[in-house]
Structure formats: structure tokens, C-alpha cells
Amino acid sequence: MSQQSTSTDISEVIAENFGANATYVEGLLNRFRSNPQSVDDSWRAYFTELLGDSGAAQPDISENGRGSAVAVPAAETPEREPAKAATPVSAKTGTAAAPERKAEASVPASVGEAIPIRGGALKIVENMEASLAVPTATSQRRIPVKLLDENRRIINTRLAENDRGKASYTHLIAWAILRALDKFPQLNDGYQEAEGVPVRLRRESINFGVAIDLEKKDGSRTLLVPNIKNANSLSFSKFLAAYDDVVKRARQG
């Protein structure tokens, strides 16, 4: 099989597994082929399985099917990105590959103080760690905002007439998310393993999380994410009131 045919087959596998994120994954694959150490462990394992015996340092995948292998010296290895747009999927099974957990490391001697994480910050850390085991994909769309701006002006005119504050773009985007979930309820599904078997959790109610950046008394900042219970059952005016209420209560401690 020619190299061009092989690249086409690999592109088709990536497109099938990753959909809208295929271009991003092919970019990672090109980096892997130039220098396997330029991607993290989970992607390295996925690409190794995907390429089989073809290995690294192969021609880059491009729109015209052409390319050239470029060896990247270790000193020029690109920095690893802090976050990924998708979770690697096994080319053989089609299931999400669980990310490898980093080994526990001792605190370097050069660090002056190791401060335990407690309270709300600890809960955020625990939730972020737990999220690593959940299959994840991200898709992006660009939409015009002129209509959004015009609707906001109309809404705020009405709210001002009744002395009821203002609606921000965040309020309207949050409301749009709730209405989108009416049409695509599967996006509110959860993931869990029951007796070792992956299961999809169907949820009828939506608890809408609101991320709030807070300044503490000592001047440092923290992030709290209270949620609006059963947000999908609220009218627009009640949702605005509930949204502003959780923000107010969070800032008041």
C-alpha cells in the first residue's frame, strides 16, 4: 500500500472516531510523527496503536496528501498543551482510552512551603480529577451575535421599566444552553461505571452550574461553581432571578 493510501486510511479512521475534532487530532498526529515525545502519554499510546508498524517520522497528513518527515531535535520539542480538545479513542475497540494517572511526586526541596488545598478549592480539584475518567469531546461553532445584542437591548428596556436590573450576554447564553438541551437532551446525560460496565445516565432535570470568580479577604482569588436546581423548569424571568441570586449569595459567602 502506498504512503498516500495509508495516510488516507488513517485520516478516515480519525474522522470517524473524532468527527469535528479530526483536524485537531491530525495536527497532533503530525507532531507525533516528527517527534513522539511532543505529545502526552495517552496520545502517544493511541497513535502508536493507530500507526502500527509504520511508526513515527512519517510524512505529515495534509489536504493534498503530500508532506515530508521532519526530525525535531529534543531541545526544540514543543511544549505540551495544558488541555486537549478530545479524549483518545482506541482504533480497535472505538472506546475512550483512559488517561494515565501521573505518579505521585515528592515536594521539591527548592519549594519554600507546601500548602494543603482545603474547602471549596479541594472540591474543585476532586471534580477535575474525576473528570479525567469521563469520555470527552469538544465541538465549536461560530454564530452571529447581532440578533443576540438586539434582543438584549429589548429585554433590558423592559426590565428597566419594571426596575428589575439588567440581563447580560452571559444570562442569555445560559438561557440558550437550557433551550438547546430541550432539543438535544442527550447532552445532559452522565457517565458512570456500574459493576465495571460503562453506562449512560439519563437525567430529566438540569442543575445549571454558574462559575463565579471571587476575591477572598486576603486578596487571593478562588472559583466557586454553585448551581441552579431544576433550571430547565424555570421561566426566563425566574431563571434571571435565580441566576442573580446564586451569584449574590456566593459573593456574600
Protein backbone atom coordinates (compact mmCIF):
# COMPACT_ATOMS: atom_id res chain seq x y z
CA MET A 1 0.00 0.00 0.00
CA SER A 2 1.38 3.43 -0.90
CA GLN A 3 2.11 6.06 1.72
CA GLN A 4 -0.65 8.29 0.27
CA SER A 5 -3.23 5.49 0.58
CA THR A 6 -2.08 4.77 4.13
CA SER A 7 -2.44 8.44 5.08
CA THR A 8 -5.93 8.49 3.56
CA ASP A 9 -6.96 5.40 5.55
CA ILE A 10 -5.63 6.91 8.79
CA SER A 11 -7.45 10.18 8.06
CA GLU A 12 -10.69 8.25 7.59
CA VAL A 13 -10.22 6.44 10.92
CA ILE A 14 -9.56 9.73 12.71
CA ALA A 15 -12.56 11.39 11.04
CA GLU A 16 -14.81 8.51 12.09
CA ASN A 17 -13.59 8.50 15.70
CA PHE A 18 -13.32 12.25 16.33
CA GLY A 19 -15.78 13.94 13.96
CA ALA A 20 -15.49 17.74 14.21
CA ASN A 21 -12.18 17.41 16.10
CA ALA A 22 -10.47 15.36 13.36
CA THR A 23 -8.36 18.29 12.11
CA TYR A 24 -7.02 18.91 15.63
CA VAL A 25 -6.15 15.22 16.07
CA GLU A 26 -4.39 15.07 12.70
CA GLY A 27 -2.28 18.03 13.82
CA LEU A 28 -1.27 16.05 16.92
CA LEU A 29 -0.51 13.05 14.71
CA ASN A 30 1.83 15.16 12.58
CA ARG A 31 3.64 16.26 15.74
CA PHE A 32 3.84 12.64 16.91
CA ARG A 33 5.32 11.52 13.60
CA SER A 34 8.02 14.18 13.81
CA ASN A 35 8.76 13.57 17.48
CA PRO A 36 6.68 11.13 19.60
CA GLN A 37 7.77 12.96 22.78
CA SER A 38 5.96 16.12 21.64
CA VAL A 39 2.55 14.66 22.64
CA ASP A 40 1.47 13.30 26.01
CA ASP A 41 1.36 9.63 27.03
CA SER A 42 -2.31 8.94 26.21
CA TRP A 43 -1.99 10.36 22.67
CA ARG A 44 1.34 8.59 22.18
CA ALA A 45 -0.27 5.24 23.05
CA TYR A 46 -3.21 5.94 20.73
CA PHE A 47 -1.06 6.96 17.75
CA THR A 48 1.31 4.01 18.27
CA GLU A 49 -1.66 1.65 18.04
CA LEU A 50 -3.15 3.56 15.11
CA LEU A 51 0.03 3.56 13.01
CA GLY A 52 1.07 0.01 13.87
CA ASP A 53 4.38 -0.90 12.26
CA SER A 54 4.58 2.35 10.29
CA GLY A 55 5.86 4.12 13.40
CA ALA A 56 6.87 7.76 13.73
CA ALA A 57 8.76 10.11 11.38
CA GLN A 58 6.28 9.52 8.52
CA PRO A 59 5.06 12.18 6.07
CA ASP A 60 2.66 14.73 7.54
CA ILE A 61 -1.04 14.42 6.71
CA SER A 62 -2.11 17.39 4.61
CA GLU A 63 -5.00 18.35 2.36
CA ASN A 64 -3.20 17.33 -0.83
CA GLY A 65 -1.84 14.11 0.69
CA ARG A 66 1.75 15.34 0.41
CA GLY A 67 4.30 16.11 3.06
CA SER A 68 7.73 15.35 4.37
CA ALA A 69 9.11 13.89 7.54
CA VAL A 70 10.93 16.40 9.71
CA ALA A 71 13.09 15.31 12.62
CA VAL A 72 12.73 17.66 15.61
CA PRO A 73 15.74 17.83 17.96
CA ALA A 74 14.94 17.15 21.59
CA ALA A 75 15.77 20.74 22.54
CA GLU A 76 13.10 22.01 20.14
CA THR A 77 10.31 19.77 21.36
CA PRO A 78 7.09 21.84 21.50
CA GLU A 79 5.67 22.48 24.93
CA ARG A 80 2.78 20.25 25.87
CA GLU A 81 -0.58 21.93 25.79
CA PRO A 82 -2.44 22.31 29.11
CA ALA A 83 -5.71 20.92 27.77
CA LYS A 84 -6.89 18.71 24.90
CA ALA A 85 -9.99 19.09 22.74
CA ALA A 86 -10.80 15.39 22.76
CA THR A 87 -10.07 12.11 24.52
CA PRO A 88 -8.09 9.45 22.58
CA VAL A 89 -10.23 6.61 21.26
CA SER A 90 -8.92 3.10 20.70
CA ALA A 91 -8.64 2.38 16.97
CA LYS A 92 -9.53 -1.27 17.63
CA THR A 93 -12.41 -1.01 20.10
CA GLY A 94 -13.74 2.50 19.44
CA THR A 95 -13.88 3.16 23.20
CA ALA A 96 -12.30 6.05 25.06
CA ALA A 97 -8.80 5.36 26.30
CA ALA A 98 -8.47 6.15 29.99
CA PRO A 99 -5.80 8.78 30.62
CA GLU A 100 -2.76 7.62 32.51
CA ARG A 101 -2.51 8.92 36.04
CA LYS A 102 0.73 10.63 36.96
CA ALA A 103 2.82 9.05 39.66
CA GLU A 104 2.84 10.86 42.98
CA ALA A 105 5.86 13.11 43.37
CA SER A 106 7.52 14.42 46.48
CA VAL A 107 7.70 18.16 47.05
CA PRO A 108 10.99 19.54 45.60
CA ALA A 109 13.47 20.76 48.19
CA SER A 110 13.56 24.17 46.47
CA VAL A 111 9.88 24.82 47.35
CA GLY A 112 9.58 27.01 50.44
CA GLU A 113 6.16 25.78 51.58
CA ALA A 114 3.60 23.15 50.56
CA ILE A 115 0.10 24.43 51.42
CA PRO A 116 -2.70 21.84 51.68
CA ILE A 117 -5.74 22.52 49.49
CA ARG A 118 -8.97 22.58 51.50
CA GLY A 119 -12.58 23.66 51.31
CA GLY A 120 -14.17 24.65 48.02
CA ALA A 121 -10.83 24.57 46.18
CA LEU A 122 -10.34 20.94 47.25
CA LYS A 123 -13.77 20.02 45.88
CA ILE A 124 -12.88 21.63 42.55
CA VAL A 125 -9.64 19.63 42.44
CA GLU A 126 -11.52 16.40 43.19
CA ASN A 127 -14.09 17.10 40.46
CA MET A 128 -11.37 17.93 37.92
CA GLU A 129 -9.52 14.72 38.75
CA ALA A 130 -12.73 12.69 38.44
CA SER A 131 -13.48 14.30 35.05
CA LEU A 132 -10.32 12.73 33.59
CA ALA A 133 -12.08 9.35 33.60
CA VAL A 134 -15.09 10.64 31.62
CA PRO A 135 -15.06 10.32 27.79
CA THR A 136 -14.95 13.88 26.48
CA ALA A 137 -15.19 15.62 23.10
CA THR A 138 -15.44 19.29 22.20
CA SER A 139 -17.03 20.83 19.11
CA GLN A 140 -17.06 24.53 18.23
CA ARG A 141 -19.41 26.66 16.13
CA ARG A 142 -19.31 30.33 15.13
CA ILE A 143 -22.60 32.19 15.26
CA PRO A 144 -23.55 35.84 14.56
CA VAL A 145 -24.30 37.87 17.69
CA LYS A 146 -26.16 40.83 16.17
CA LEU A 147 -29.55 39.29 16.94
CA LEU A 148 -28.38 38.43 20.45
CA ASP A 149 -27.38 42.06 21.02
CA GLU A 150 -30.69 43.38 19.71
CA ASN A 151 -32.70 41.01 21.91
CA ARG A 152 -30.63 42.03 24.93
CA ARG A 153 -31.45 45.68 24.29
CA ILE A 154 -35.18 44.92 24.09
CA ILE A 155 -35.09 42.79 27.25
CA ASN A 156 -33.16 45.41 29.22
CA THR A 157 -35.56 48.15 28.15
CA ARG A 158 -38.42 46.10 29.57
CA LEU A 159 -36.51 45.23 32.74
CA ALA A 160 -35.61 48.89 33.31
CA GLU A 161 -39.29 49.86 33.04
CA ASN A 162 -40.00 47.49 35.94
CA ASP A 163 -36.82 48.29 37.92
CA ARG A 164 -35.56 44.71 37.66
CA GLY A 165 -31.89 45.16 36.82
CA LYS A 166 -30.24 44.08 33.55
CA ALA A 167 -29.69 40.96 31.52
CA SER A 168 -26.09 40.31 30.46
CA TYR A 169 -24.85 38.30 27.50
CA THR A 170 -23.99 35.55 29.98
CA HIS A 171 -27.63 35.38 31.12
CA LEU A 172 -28.80 34.99 27.52
CA ILE A 173 -26.17 32.42 26.58
CA ALA A 174 -27.03 30.41 29.69
CA TRP A 175 -30.72 30.52 28.73
CA ALA A 176 -29.84 29.43 25.17
CA ILE A 177 -27.96 26.43 26.58
CA LEU A 178 -31.02 25.37 28.55
CA ARG A 179 -33.24 25.64 25.49
CA ALA A 180 -30.70 23.71 23.41
CA LEU A 181 -30.85 20.91 25.98
CA ASP A 182 -34.62 20.75 25.43
CA LYS A 183 -33.87 19.85 21.81
CA PHE A 184 -30.79 17.70 22.50
CA PRO A 185 -31.41 16.19 25.97
CA GLN A 186 -28.69 13.57 25.48
CA LEU A 187 -26.10 16.30 26.10
CA ASN A 188 -27.28 16.31 29.72
CA ASP A 189 -26.52 12.60 30.10
CA GLY A 190 -23.98 11.43 32.62
CA TYR A 191 -21.34 8.70 32.52
CA GLN A 192 -20.61 6.10 35.16
CA GLU A 193 -19.25 2.59 35.51
CA ALA A 194 -21.68 0.17 37.16
CA GLU A 195 -20.07 -3.11 38.19
CA GLY A 196 -17.29 -2.49 35.70
CA VAL A 197 -19.67 -1.76 32.82
CA PRO A 198 -19.82 1.77 31.30
CA VAL A 199 -23.38 3.14 31.48
CA ARG A 200 -25.16 6.27 30.26
CA LEU A 201 -27.17 8.11 32.92
CA ARG A 202 -30.35 9.76 31.64
CA ARG A 203 -31.16 12.94 33.55
CA GLU A 204 -34.51 14.69 33.39
CA SER A 205 -33.59 17.73 35.48
CA ILE A 206 -30.81 20.22 34.75
CA ASN A 207 -28.75 21.73 37.56
CA PHE A 208 -27.07 24.64 35.82
CA GLY A 209 -23.59 25.46 37.17
CA VAL A 210 -22.51 29.11 37.37
CA ALA A 211 -18.74 29.72 37.67
CA ILE A 212 -18.04 32.72 39.92
CA ASP A 213 -14.60 34.30 40.38
CA LEU A 214 -14.31 35.57 43.96
CA GLU A 215 -11.74 37.65 45.79
CA LYS A 216 -11.06 36.45 49.34
CA LYS A 217 -10.29 38.66 52.32
CA ASP A 218 -6.54 38.13 51.95
CA GLY A 219 -6.66 39.36 48.34
CA SER A 220 -6.28 35.94 46.75
CA ARG A 221 -8.90 34.63 44.34
CA THR A 222 -10.93 31.44 44.19
CA LEU A 223 -13.55 29.91 41.93
CA LEU A 224 -16.93 28.68 43.14
CA VAL A 225 -19.49 26.89 40.97
CA PRO A 226 -22.92 26.92 42.67
CA ASN A 227 -25.78 25.59 40.58
CA ILE A 228 -29.39 26.50 39.87
CA LYS A 229 -31.53 23.47 40.69
CA ASN A 230 -34.01 22.29 38.01
CA ALA A 231 -33.11 25.27 35.83
CA ASN A 232 -34.91 23.77 32.82
CA SER A 233 -38.26 24.10 34.62
CA LEU A 234 -37.95 27.88 35.17
CA SER A 235 -39.39 30.66 33.07
CA PHE A 236 -36.97 33.25 31.67
CA SER A 237 -37.75 35.83 34.37
CA LYS A 238 -37.43 33.23 37.16
CA PHE A 239 -34.16 31.99 35.66
CA LEU A 240 -32.73 35.53 35.66
CA ALA A 241 -33.73 35.93 39.31
CA ALA A 242 -32.27 32.54 40.30
CA TYR A 243 -29.03 33.25 38.41
CA ASP A 244 -28.52 36.62 40.12
CA ASP A 245 -29.42 35.07 43.48
CA VAL A 246 -26.72 32.37 43.38
CA VAL A 247 -24.13 34.96 42.33
CA LYS A 248 -25.15 37.30 45.16
CA ARG A 249 -25.12 34.55 47.80
CA ALA A 250 -21.72 33.27 46.63
CA ARG A 251 -20.19 36.72 46.89
CA GLN A 252 -21.66 37.16 50.36
CA GLY A 253 -20.13 33.88 51.47
